[in-house]
Amino acid sequence: MSAQTLLNSLFQYKASVDDELLGALNALGAKAQSDEFRSALRVLNHAHLVDRIFAANLQRLDHSHAASWSSEAPALAQLSSDIRDTDRWYIDYTSRITPEEMEEVVDFTFTDGGRGRMSREEMLAHVVTHSGYHRGEVSRLLPAIESTAMRDVFTGYLHRTDPARRQ
């Protein structure tokens, strides 16, 4: 399996578990007014901002973000739509990136003004691992969605999408 194929599969997995997590958050009802819920939205918004920042970096574009954290997050409906759009962008991007493009090193600027330099492959790996870390953090903040969090594993995704892999 090539790195491109693996990364595309990982971004499909990310989109799938993001969708499950967003659905679980949407189903919380009255619990959606808690401080923990608002904290969870801020964490998800941070992960999403980092996804958008690195999407710009991958394309050698400037981004408008002065920070990767915000004291207030958008409403769940808006954040969900934005996350799903960004997930689709990464799936499309990783479906067409070439091995040569993945190896290319890109210079960029962090939100604090510091300079950074990573290969596109490293950036993509960072986005996948960073978002997984923060999905786990959201699950710790909101025990009511624990059953959704328990499904957030790559092997589980592979078995759901290709049942023949599990014998």
Foldseek 3Di string as FASTA:
>chain_A
DDLLVVLLLLLVLVLVLLVLLLVLLVPPPPCCVDPLNFVLQQLLQLLLLLLVCLVCQLVVHDDPDLDSGDPGGDPSVVSSVSSNVSSVVSSVCSVPDDPVQQQDKTWDADSPRDIDIDGNSVSSVCSSVSNLVSSVVSCVSPVSCVVSNVCSDSVSVCCVVPVVVPD
